[in-house]
């Protein structure tokens, strides 16, 4: 299997940056990995906070203990700055993943071409 394909598959299916680590491009790999972990941590933190609020509302009796009422509260879209931050984090997560795949394939292709010339 070519180096470019291995690097792209590592970035696609393991985590962003793993293809760069495979190609010995550690700085770029660390940058992609840190970006992905930070955005994922923010999104998980937000989901946890939202679950805490909803569970507290259920315990206080503000939301009845009925599936449709709980489902409505869970699926309610965030508003204002909260929605903006979630969208930015989601786009950052997706961008890091896509950039990791494309750039690791590009760098792997350069390594493949250099190997063929030798």
C-alpha atoms as a PDB file:
ATOM      1  CA  UNK A   1       0.000   0.000   0.000  1.00  0.00           C
ATOM      2  CA  UNK A   2       1.279   3.440  -0.882  1.00  0.00           C
ATOM      3  CA  UNK A   3       2.396   5.828   1.822  1.00  0.00           C
ATOM      4  CA  UNK A   4      -0.140   8.425   0.722  1.00  0.00           C
ATOM      5  CA  UNK A   5      -3.052   6.009   1.093  1.00  0.00           C
ATOM      6  CA  UNK A   6      -1.842   4.744   4.485  1.00  0.00           C
ATOM      7  CA  UNK A   7      -1.461   8.285   5.804  1.00  0.00           C
ATOM      8  CA  UNK A   8      -4.877   9.349   4.527  1.00  0.00           C
ATOM      9  CA  UNK A   9      -6.566   6.247   5.975  1.00  0.00           C
ATOM     10  CA  UNK A  10      -4.896   6.790   9.340  1.00  0.00           C
ATOM     11  CA  UNK A  11      -6.114  10.378   9.402  1.00  0.00           C
ATOM     12  CA  UNK A  12      -9.590   9.374   8.287  1.00  0.00           C
ATOM     13  CA  UNK A  13     -10.234   6.400  10.547  1.00  0.00           C
ATOM     14  CA  UNK A  14      -7.950   6.758  13.574  1.00  0.00           C
ATOM     15  CA  UNK A  15      -7.838  10.475  14.325  1.00  0.00           C
ATOM     16  CA  UNK A  16      -6.756  13.700  12.635  1.00  0.00           C
ATOM     17  CA  UNK A  17      -3.007  14.021  12.834  1.00  0.00           C
ATOM     18  CA  UNK A  18      -2.226  10.312  12.919  1.00  0.00           C
ATOM     19  CA  UNK A  19      -1.334  10.346   9.215  1.00  0.00           C
ATOM     20  CA  UNK A  20       1.064  13.205   9.886  1.00  0.00           C
ATOM     21  CA  UNK A  21       2.656  11.300  12.758  1.00  0.00           C
ATOM     22  CA  UNK A  22       3.087   8.349  10.385  1.00  0.00           C
ATOM     23  CA  UNK A  23       4.828  10.688   7.911  1.00  0.00           C
ATOM     24  CA  UNK A  24       7.040  12.114  10.704  1.00  0.00           C
ATOM     25  CA  UNK A  25       5.380  15.551  10.501  1.00  0.00           C
ATOM     26  CA  UNK A  26       4.885  15.786  14.246  1.00  0.00           C
ATOM     27  CA  UNK A  27       4.204  19.521  14.535  1.00  0.00           C
ATOM     28  CA  UNK A  28       1.320  19.436  12.084  1.00  0.00           C
ATOM     29  CA  UNK A  29       0.054  16.211  13.624  1.00  0.00           C
ATOM     30  CA  UNK A  30       0.056  17.738  17.097  1.00  0.00           C
ATOM     31  CA  UNK A  31      -1.741  20.857  15.851  1.00  0.00           C
ATOM     32  CA  UNK A  32      -4.490  18.807  14.207  1.00  0.00           C
ATOM     33  CA  UNK A  33      -4.797  16.479  17.177  1.00  0.00           C
ATOM     34  CA  UNK A  34      -4.995  19.312  19.704  1.00  0.00           C
ATOM     35  CA  UNK A  35      -7.582  21.161  17.600  1.00  0.00           C
ATOM     36  CA  UNK A  36      -9.715  18.043  17.330  1.00  0.00           C
ATOM     37  CA  UNK A  37      -9.468  17.142  21.011  1.00  0.00           C
ATOM     38  CA  UNK A  38     -10.237  20.685  22.166  1.00  0.00           C
ATOM     39  CA  UNK A  39     -13.291  21.080  19.929  1.00  0.00           C
ATOM     40  CA  UNK A  40     -14.546  17.614  20.876  1.00  0.00           C
ATOM     41  CA  UNK A  41     -14.062  18.387  24.582  1.00  0.00           C
ATOM     42  CA  UNK A  42     -16.031  21.617  24.192  1.00  0.00           C
ATOM     43  CA  UNK A  43     -18.887  19.831  22.413  1.00  0.00           C
ATOM     44  CA  UNK A  44     -18.979  17.067  25.035  1.00  0.00           C
ATOM     45  CA  UNK A  45     -18.856  19.609  27.850  1.00  0.00           C
ATOM     46  CA  UNK A  46     -21.756  21.469  26.293  1.00  0.00           C
ATOM     47  CA  UNK A  47     -23.779  18.248  25.928  1.00  0.00           C
ATOM     48  CA  UNK A  48     -23.062  17.396  29.564  1.00  0.00           C
ATOM     49  CA  UNK A  49     -24.132  20.863  30.741  1.00  0.00           C
ATOM     50  CA  UNK A  50     -27.326  20.640  28.695  1.00  0.00           C
ATOM     51  CA  UNK A  51     -28.093  17.201  30.166  1.00  0.00           C
ATOM     52  CA  UNK A  52     -27.546  18.576  33.670  1.00  0.00           C
ATOM     53  CA  UNK A  53     -29.972  21.448  33.063  1.00  0.00           C
ATOM     54  CA  UNK A  54     -32.632  19.163  31.631  1.00  0.00           C
ATOM     55  CA  UNK A  55     -32.277  16.627  34.451  1.00  0.00           C
ATOM     56  CA  UNK A  56     -32.534  19.422  37.023  1.00  0.00           C
ATOM     57  CA  UNK A  57     -35.689  20.704  35.312  1.00  0.00           C
ATOM     58  CA  UNK A  58     -37.153  17.187  35.469  1.00  0.00           C
ATOM     59  CA  UNK A  59     -36.320  16.903  39.173  1.00  0.00           C
ATOM     60  CA  UNK A  60     -37.843  20.335  39.875  1.00  0.00           C
ATOM     61  CA  UNK A  61     -41.025  19.369  38.052  1.00  0.00           C
ATOM     62  CA  UNK A  62     -40.581  21.978  35.309  1.00  0.00           C
ATOM     63  CA  UNK A  63     -40.524  19.207  32.708  1.00  0.00           C
ATOM     64  CA  UNK A  64     -42.988  16.360  33.243  1.00  0.00           C
ATOM     65  CA  UNK A  65     -41.636  12.833  33.377  1.00  0.00           C
ATOM     66  CA  UNK A  66     -43.037  11.968  29.959  1.00  0.00           C
ATOM     67  CA  UNK A  67     -41.063  10.873  26.945  1.00  0.00           C
ATOM     68  CA  UNK A  68     -42.458  13.482  24.551  1.00  0.00           C
ATOM     69  CA  UNK A  69     -41.762  16.353  26.978  1.00  0.00           C
ATOM     70  CA  UNK A  70     -38.206  15.173  27.626  1.00  0.00           C
ATOM     71  CA  UNK A  71     -37.627  14.605  23.903  1.00  0.00           C
ATOM     72  CA  UNK A  72     -38.853  18.138  23.193  1.00  0.00           C
ATOM     73  CA  UNK A  73     -36.438  19.585  25.760  1.00  0.00           C
ATOM     74  CA  UNK A  74     -33.500  17.542  24.472  1.00  0.00           C
ATOM     75  CA  UNK A  75     -34.062  18.396  20.805  1.00  0.00           C
ATOM     76  CA  UNK A  76     -34.646  22.103  21.383  1.00  0.00           C
ATOM     77  CA  UNK A  77     -32.059  24.037  19.389  1.00  0.00           C
ATOM     78  CA  UNK A  78     -29.659  26.284  21.272  1.00  0.00           C
ATOM     79  CA  UNK A  79     -30.036  30.022  20.727  1.00  0.00           C
ATOM     80  CA  UNK A  80     -27.807  33.085  20.620  1.00  0.00           C
ATOM     81  CA  UNK A  81     -24.118  32.870  21.402  1.00  0.00           C
ATOM     82  CA  UNK A  82     -24.489  29.292  22.575  1.00  0.00           C
ATOM     83  CA  UNK A  83     -25.522  28.208  19.073  1.00  0.00           C
ATOM     84  CA  UNK A  84     -22.705  30.245  17.545  1.00  0.00           C
ATOM     85  CA  UNK A  85     -20.056  28.608  19.736  1.00  0.00           C
ATOM     86  CA  UNK A  86     -21.419  25.141  19.040  1.00  0.00           C
ATOM     87  CA  UNK A  87     -21.370  25.807  15.293  1.00  0.00           C
ATOM     88  CA  UNK A  88     -17.808  27.153  15.436  1.00  0.00           C
ATOM     89  CA  UNK A  89     -16.621  24.123  17.428  1.00  0.00           C
ATOM     90  CA  UNK A  90     -18.382  21.734  15.058  1.00  0.00           C
ATOM     91  CA  UNK A  91     -16.890  23.406  11.994  1.00  0.00           C
ATOM     92  CA  UNK A  92     -13.445  23.391  13.624  1.00  0.00           C
ATOM     93  CA  UNK A  93     -13.774  19.673  14.349  1.00  0.00           C
ATOM     94  CA  UNK A  94     -14.865  18.864  10.790  1.00  0.00           C
ATOM     95  CA  UNK A  95     -12.240  21.164   9.259  1.00  0.00           C
ATOM     96  CA  UNK A  96      -9.426  19.579  11.279  1.00  0.00           C
ATOM     97  CA  UNK A  97     -10.536  16.129  10.187  1.00  0.00           C
ATOM     98  CA  UNK A  98     -10.854  17.008   6.487  1.00  0.00           C
ATOM     99  CA  UNK A  99      -7.630  19.024   6.425  1.00  0.00           C
ATOM    100  CA  UNK A 100      -5.840  16.158   8.176  1.00  0.00           C
ATOM    101  CA  UNK A 101      -6.972  13.665   5.535  1.00  0.00           C
ATOM    102  CA  UNK A 102      -6.199  15.874   2.538  1.00  0.00           C
ATOM    103  CA  UNK A 103      -2.854  17.149   3.823  1.00  0.00           C
ATOM    104  CA  UNK A 104      -1.615  13.726   4.916  1.00  0.00           C
ATOM    105  CA  UNK A 105      -2.501  12.349   1.471  1.00  0.00           C
ATOM    106  CA  UNK A 106      -0.688  15.281  -0.166  1.00  0.00           C
ATOM    107  CA  UNK A 107       2.423  14.808   1.950  1.00  0.00           C
ATOM    108  CA  UNK A 108       2.307  11.050   1.454  1.00  0.00           C
ATOM    109  CA  UNK A 109       2.025  11.563  -2.312  1.00  0.00           C
ATOM    110  CA  UNK A 110       5.141  13.729  -2.200  1.00  0.00           C
ATOM    111  CA  UNK A 111       6.942  10.957  -0.295  1.00  0.00           C
ATOM    112  CA  UNK A 112       5.729   8.372  -2.817  1.00  0.00           C
ATOM    113  CA  UNK A 113       6.955  10.508  -5.728  1.00  0.00           C
ATOM    114  CA  UNK A 114      10.346  11.069  -4.063  1.00  0.00           C
ATOM    115  CA  UNK A 115      10.663   7.325  -3.512  1.00  0.00           C
ATOM    116  CA  UNK A 116       9.916   6.592  -7.179  1.00  0.00           C
ATOM    117  CA  UNK A 117      12.585   9.052  -8.336  1.00  0.00           C
ATOM    118  CA  UNK A 118      15.245   7.241  -6.338  1.00  0.00           C
END
